[in-house]
């Protein structure tokens, strides 16, 4: 079975990158913004290489995933450009957020991505088919969830 294509959503937030990063880098608050994430357990401060366990849900289906942070770039150290990424198992995908300052520097363009899903394991294929309504259906929901997550991030940066 072939994998799924990458997913991407963006939003422009009228807050400089440092303000967006302050909210985005608080990983404990991510479950309030993401429709599928119930919670995260991470021991220690986030940094490249740090591992975490996550609990996810879709309707009545609940499942765990594990991740490792692969990029952790505070925009204060790179001209306003920031990045957060983590590799997730068992799907073997990377989820990421990229922060780019707007032309005048007063705002931030935030892009959330999920890398292409490679040829999934039997467990992932069966879960997608019988618990998620199929991989295409789940990807449609994930893309909608990405837009909702970014809207919530924008709202959180303004509060």
Protein backbone atom coordinates (compact mmCIF):
# COMPACT_ATOMS: atom_id res chain seq x y z
CA UNK A 1 0.00 0.00 0.00
CA UNK A 2 1.34 3.41 -0.92
CA UNK A 3 1.62 6.13 1.69
CA UNK A 4 -0.28 9.38 2.03
CA UNK A 5 0.83 12.76 0.64
CA UNK A 6 2.13 15.55 2.89
CA UNK A 7 -0.31 17.97 4.49
CA UNK A 8 0.22 21.71 5.01
CA UNK A 9 -1.71 24.68 6.41
CA UNK A 10 -0.61 28.29 7.05
CA UNK A 11 -1.86 31.36 8.83
CA UNK A 12 -0.62 34.92 9.22
CA UNK A 13 -0.68 36.06 12.84
CA UNK A 14 -0.33 39.80 13.57
CA UNK A 15 2.22 39.14 16.32
CA UNK A 16 6.03 39.13 15.90
CA UNK A 17 7.71 35.69 15.82
CA UNK A 18 8.98 35.96 19.42
CA UNK A 19 5.41 36.29 20.67
CA UNK A 20 4.20 33.36 18.57
CA UNK A 21 7.16 31.24 19.70
CA UNK A 22 6.37 31.97 23.36
CA UNK A 23 2.97 30.33 22.89
CA UNK A 24 3.94 27.59 20.41
CA UNK A 25 6.93 26.39 22.44
CA UNK A 26 4.70 25.70 25.47
CA UNK A 27 4.10 22.10 24.42
CA UNK A 28 1.86 21.39 27.43
CA UNK A 29 -0.75 23.74 25.95
CA UNK A 30 -0.78 22.01 22.54
CA UNK A 31 -3.61 19.67 23.57
CA UNK A 32 -5.91 22.71 24.02
CA UNK A 33 -5.33 23.70 20.39
CA UNK A 34 -5.10 20.36 18.57
CA UNK A 35 -8.40 18.52 18.02
CA UNK A 36 -6.75 15.09 18.05
CA UNK A 37 -4.20 15.45 20.87
CA UNK A 38 -5.41 14.61 24.36
CA UNK A 39 -2.11 15.09 26.16
CA UNK A 40 1.67 14.82 26.17
CA UNK A 41 4.12 13.45 28.70
CA UNK A 42 7.65 14.79 28.39
CA UNK A 43 10.27 14.65 31.11
CA UNK A 44 12.51 17.73 31.07
CA UNK A 45 12.52 20.85 28.95
CA UNK A 46 11.92 20.57 25.20
CA UNK A 47 15.07 20.39 23.06
CA UNK A 48 16.34 18.51 20.04
CA UNK A 49 16.43 14.81 20.87
CA UNK A 50 13.88 14.99 23.71
CA UNK A 51 11.31 12.21 23.55
CA UNK A 52 7.64 12.32 24.50
CA UNK A 53 4.58 10.10 24.73
CA UNK A 54 1.23 11.35 23.45
CA UNK A 55 -2.36 10.25 23.79
CA UNK A 56 -4.54 10.92 20.75
CA UNK A 57 -8.24 10.51 20.07
CA UNK A 58 -10.72 10.50 17.22
CA UNK A 59 -14.30 9.97 18.30
CA UNK A 60 -14.27 6.79 20.42
CA UNK A 61 -10.81 5.67 19.24
CA UNK A 62 -7.87 6.48 21.56
CA UNK A 63 -4.25 5.58 20.79
CA UNK A 64 -0.74 6.38 21.98
CA UNK A 65 2.15 7.69 19.90
CA UNK A 66 5.77 8.47 20.70
CA UNK A 67 7.86 11.31 19.32
CA UNK A 68 11.33 12.81 19.29
CA UNK A 69 11.96 16.52 18.76
CA UNK A 70 14.03 16.95 15.60
CA UNK A 71 14.09 20.78 15.38
CA UNK A 72 13.81 23.37 18.13
CA UNK A 73 14.77 26.79 16.82
CA UNK A 74 13.84 29.90 18.79
CA UNK A 75 13.29 32.77 16.31
CA UNK A 76 15.39 35.05 18.55
CA UNK A 77 18.46 33.16 17.30
CA UNK A 78 17.80 33.30 13.55
CA UNK A 79 16.51 36.68 12.40
CA UNK A 80 12.94 35.95 13.44
CA UNK A 81 12.68 32.54 11.78
CA UNK A 82 11.72 29.71 14.12
CA UNK A 83 10.96 26.03 13.82
CA UNK A 84 9.63 23.16 15.86
CA UNK A 85 9.47 19.63 14.49
CA UNK A 86 9.04 16.14 15.87
CA UNK A 87 9.21 12.66 14.39
CA UNK A 88 6.24 10.46 15.36
CA UNK A 89 5.98 6.67 15.69
CA UNK A 90 4.32 4.37 14.69
CA UNK A 91 3.41 6.38 11.57
CA UNK A 92 7.02 7.45 10.85
CA UNK A 93 6.04 11.02 9.91
CA UNK A 94 7.36 14.43 10.89
CA UNK A 95 5.04 17.14 12.17
CA UNK A 96 6.47 20.65 12.07
CA UNK A 97 5.77 24.32 12.59
CA UNK A 98 7.75 26.99 10.77
CA UNK A 99 7.68 30.66 11.80
CA UNK A 100 8.63 33.32 9.24
CA UNK A 101 8.37 37.04 9.95
CA UNK A 102 6.14 39.08 7.66
CA UNK A 103 7.88 41.58 5.36
CA UNK A 104 7.56 44.42 7.89
CA UNK A 105 8.39 42.16 10.87
CA UNK A 106 5.21 43.00 12.75
CA UNK A 107 3.60 39.61 12.15
CA UNK A 108 4.39 35.95 11.62
CA UNK A 109 3.46 33.43 8.96
CA UNK A 110 3.10 30.07 10.69
CA UNK A 111 3.05 26.90 8.59
CA UNK A 112 2.13 23.53 10.05
CA UNK A 113 3.15 20.45 8.07
CA UNK A 114 2.86 16.72 8.25
CA UNK A 115 5.38 14.95 6.07
CA UNK A 116 4.27 12.32 3.60
CA UNK A 117 3.21 9.11 5.27
CA UNK A 118 5.54 6.41 3.95
CA UNK A 119 4.35 2.92 3.23
CA UNK A 120 2.59 2.26 6.56
CA UNK A 121 2.93 -0.83 8.70
CA UNK A 122 0.14 -3.41 8.89
CA UNK A 123 -0.95 -2.04 12.28
CA UNK A 124 -1.19 1.53 10.92
CA UNK A 125 -3.07 0.34 7.80
CA UNK A 126 -5.59 -1.67 9.83
CA UNK A 127 -6.11 1.17 12.31
CA UNK A 128 -6.60 3.68 9.49
CA UNK A 129 -9.05 1.44 7.68
CA UNK A 130 -11.19 0.19 10.55
CA UNK A 131 -10.88 2.88 13.23
CA UNK A 132 -10.33 6.05 11.16
CA UNK A 133 -12.62 5.48 8.19
CA UNK A 134 -9.66 5.11 5.83
CA UNK A 135 -6.42 7.05 5.43
CA UNK A 136 -7.90 9.59 3.00
CA UNK A 137 -10.76 10.38 5.37
CA UNK A 138 -8.36 10.75 8.29
CA UNK A 139 -6.09 13.04 6.25
CA UNK A 140 -9.09 15.26 5.47
CA UNK A 141 -9.81 15.47 9.20
CA UNK A 142 -6.12 16.10 9.97
CA UNK A 143 -5.98 18.99 7.51
CA UNK A 144 -9.11 20.51 9.04
CA UNK A 145 -7.51 20.00 12.47
CA UNK A 146 -4.35 21.78 11.31
CA UNK A 147 -6.40 24.83 10.34
CA UNK A 148 -8.21 24.72 13.69
CA UNK A 149 -4.90 24.37 15.55
CA UNK A 150 -3.42 27.38 13.76
CA UNK A 151 -6.56 29.47 14.46
CA UNK A 152 -6.31 28.53 18.13
CA UNK A 153 -2.59 29.40 18.14
CA UNK A 154 -3.44 32.81 16.67
CA UNK A 155 -6.11 33.35 19.32
CA UNK A 156 -3.72 32.31 22.11
CA UNK A 157 -1.04 34.76 20.92
CA UNK A 158 -3.52 37.64 21.07
CA UNK A 159 -4.67 36.91 24.63
